Amino acid sequence: MNDSKNMILAIVLSALVLLGWSWAANKFLPTANPPSTKIENGKVVLRGEVDQPELIKDLEQRTKKVQGVQEVENLLHVPGAS
């Protein structure tokens, strides 16, 4: 009787691990959010994570120098900050 209970428990736990892995991985091991750029009518939106805080202002300044850019919205941040 104990062997059949152990087998059922093993199957249930295996199913939870296999089926729940995707959810657990997304919740506890999120993927990096690479920087992205959206451009519309001369407005550029910078969004995402950068490794070094000094890159935030540097990328904004470089973007402002691009011909045709009228406005820059900087939503860049370092990991852990939002």
C-alpha atoms as a PDB file:
ATOM      1  CA  MET A   1       0.000   0.000   0.000  1.00  0.00           C
ATOM      2  CA  ASN A   2       2.831   2.416   0.813  1.00  0.00           C
ATOM      3  CA  ASP A   3       4.462   1.727  -2.552  1.00  0.00           C
ATOM      4  CA  SER A   4       1.339   2.763  -4.469  1.00  0.00           C
ATOM      5  CA  LYS A   5       0.983   5.936  -2.375  1.00  0.00           C
ATOM      6  CA  ASN A   6       4.617   6.774  -3.010  1.00  0.00           C
ATOM      7  CA  MET A   7       4.160   6.172  -6.733  1.00  0.00           C
ATOM      8  CA  ILE A   8       1.111   8.465  -6.866  1.00  0.00           C
ATOM      9  CA  LEU A   9       2.957  11.135  -4.900  1.00  0.00           C
ATOM     10  CA  ALA A  10       5.944  10.880  -7.232  1.00  0.00           C
ATOM     11  CA  ILE A  11       3.717  11.233 -10.308  1.00  0.00           C
ATOM     12  CA  VAL A  12       1.869  14.234  -8.881  1.00  0.00           C
ATOM     13  CA  LEU A  13       5.089  15.978  -7.863  1.00  0.00           C
ATOM     14  CA  SER A  14       6.670  15.247 -11.236  1.00  0.00           C
ATOM     15  CA  ALA A  15       3.659  16.718 -13.040  1.00  0.00           C
ATOM     16  CA  LEU A  16       3.761  19.824 -10.850  1.00  0.00           C
ATOM     17  CA  VAL A  17       7.448  20.300 -11.524  1.00  0.00           C
ATOM     18  CA  LEU A  18       7.123  19.769 -15.283  1.00  0.00           C
ATOM     19  CA  LEU A  19       3.913  21.735 -15.818  1.00  0.00           C
ATOM     20  CA  GLY A  20       4.672  24.453 -13.294  1.00  0.00           C
ATOM     21  CA  TRP A  21       8.253  25.082 -14.380  1.00  0.00           C
ATOM     22  CA  SER A  22       7.306  27.674 -16.984  1.00  0.00           C
ATOM     23  CA  TRP A  23       5.303  29.693 -14.485  1.00  0.00           C
ATOM     24  CA  ALA A  24       7.930  29.416 -11.744  1.00  0.00           C
ATOM     25  CA  ALA A  25      10.773  30.302 -14.122  1.00  0.00           C
ATOM     26  CA  ASN A  26       8.960  33.410 -15.391  1.00  0.00           C
ATOM     27  CA  LYS A  27       8.080  34.541 -11.883  1.00  0.00           C
ATOM     28  CA  PHE A  28      11.397  33.911 -10.137  1.00  0.00           C
ATOM     29  CA  LEU A  29      13.908  33.974 -13.020  1.00  0.00           C
ATOM     30  CA  PRO A  30      12.743  36.799 -15.318  1.00  0.00           C
ATOM     31  CA  THR A  31      14.601  37.375 -18.539  1.00  0.00           C
ATOM     32  CA  ALA A  32      16.577  40.552 -19.041  1.00  0.00           C
ATOM     33  CA  ASN A  33      14.753  43.524 -20.466  1.00  0.00           C
ATOM     34  CA  PRO A  34      17.014  44.738 -23.276  1.00  0.00           C
ATOM     35  CA  PRO A  35      16.847  48.413 -24.184  1.00  0.00           C
ATOM     36  CA  SER A  36      14.368  49.265 -26.912  1.00  0.00           C
ATOM     37  CA  THR A  37      13.643  52.382 -28.909  1.00  0.00           C
ATOM     38  CA  LYS A  38      10.345  53.718 -30.203  1.00  0.00           C
ATOM     39  CA  ILE A  39      10.324  56.613 -32.664  1.00  0.00           C
ATOM     40  CA  GLU A  40       7.224  58.566 -33.624  1.00  0.00           C
ATOM     41  CA  ASN A  41       6.984  62.064 -35.151  1.00  0.00           C
ATOM     42  CA  GLY A  42      10.464  63.075 -34.006  1.00  0.00           C
ATOM     43  CA  LYS A  43       9.936  61.800 -30.442  1.00  0.00           C
ATOM     44  CA  VAL A  44      12.204  58.970 -29.313  1.00  0.00           C
ATOM     45  CA  VAL A  45      11.354  56.795 -26.320  1.00  0.00           C
ATOM     46  CA  LEU A  46      14.280  54.890 -24.769  1.00  0.00           C
ATOM     47  CA  ARG A  47      13.100  52.015 -22.572  1.00  0.00           C
ATOM     48  CA  GLY A  48      14.730  49.069 -20.789  1.00  0.00           C
ATOM     49  CA  GLU A  49      17.667  48.122 -18.590  1.00  0.00           C
ATOM     50  CA  VAL A  50      21.297  49.137 -18.930  1.00  0.00           C
ATOM     51  CA  ASP A  51      24.207  47.724 -16.940  1.00  0.00           C
ATOM     52  CA  GLN A  52      25.787  51.015 -15.907  1.00  0.00           C
ATOM     53  CA  PRO A  53      23.943  54.060 -14.526  1.00  0.00           C
ATOM     54  CA  GLU A  54      26.129  56.487 -16.482  1.00  0.00           C
ATOM     55  CA  LEU A  55      24.849  54.988 -19.740  1.00  0.00           C
ATOM     56  CA  ILE A  56      21.369  56.371 -19.070  1.00  0.00           C
ATOM     57  CA  LYS A  57      22.328  60.023 -19.590  1.00  0.00           C
ATOM     58  CA  ASP A  58      24.957  59.175 -22.213  1.00  0.00           C
ATOM     59  CA  LEU A  59      22.442  57.388 -24.435  1.00  0.00           C
ATOM     60  CA  GLU A  60      19.937  60.199 -23.999  1.00  0.00           C
ATOM     61  CA  GLN A  61      22.517  62.834 -25.018  1.00  0.00           C
ATOM     62  CA  ARG A  62      23.628  60.806 -28.044  1.00  0.00           C
ATOM     63  CA  THR A  63      20.013  60.324 -29.120  1.00  0.00           C
ATOM     64  CA  LYS A  64      19.335  64.080 -28.919  1.00  0.00           C
ATOM     65  CA  LYS A  65      22.180  64.680 -31.396  1.00  0.00           C
ATOM     66  CA  VAL A  66      20.582  62.508 -34.096  1.00  0.00           C
ATOM     67  CA  GLN A  67      19.199  64.542 -36.977  1.00  0.00           C
ATOM     68  CA  GLY A  68      15.395  64.738 -36.901  1.00  0.00           C
ATOM     69  CA  VAL A  69      15.039  63.972 -33.193  1.00  0.00           C
ATOM     70  CA  GLN A  70      12.903  66.650 -31.552  1.00  0.00           C
ATOM     71  CA  GLU A  71      12.256  65.095 -28.148  1.00  0.00           C
ATOM     72  CA  VAL A  72      13.667  62.216 -26.061  1.00  0.00           C
ATOM     73  CA  GLU A  73      11.745  60.409 -23.327  1.00  0.00           C
ATOM     74  CA  ASN A  74      14.259  58.436 -21.290  1.00  0.00           C
ATOM     75  CA  LEU A  75      12.799  55.430 -19.438  1.00  0.00           C
ATOM     76  CA  LEU A  76      16.103  53.565 -19.147  1.00  0.00           C
ATOM     77  CA  HIS A  77      17.054  52.155 -15.753  1.00  0.00           C
ATOM     78  CA  VAL A  78      19.590  49.894 -14.070  1.00  0.00           C
ATOM     79  CA  PRO A  79      18.520  46.399 -12.915  1.00  0.00           C
ATOM     80  CA  GLY A  80      16.563  46.493  -9.691  1.00  0.00           C
ATOM     81  CA  ALA A  81      15.291  50.034 -10.261  1.00  0.00           C
ATOM     82  CA  SER A  82      12.002  50.778 -11.927  1.00  0.00           C
END
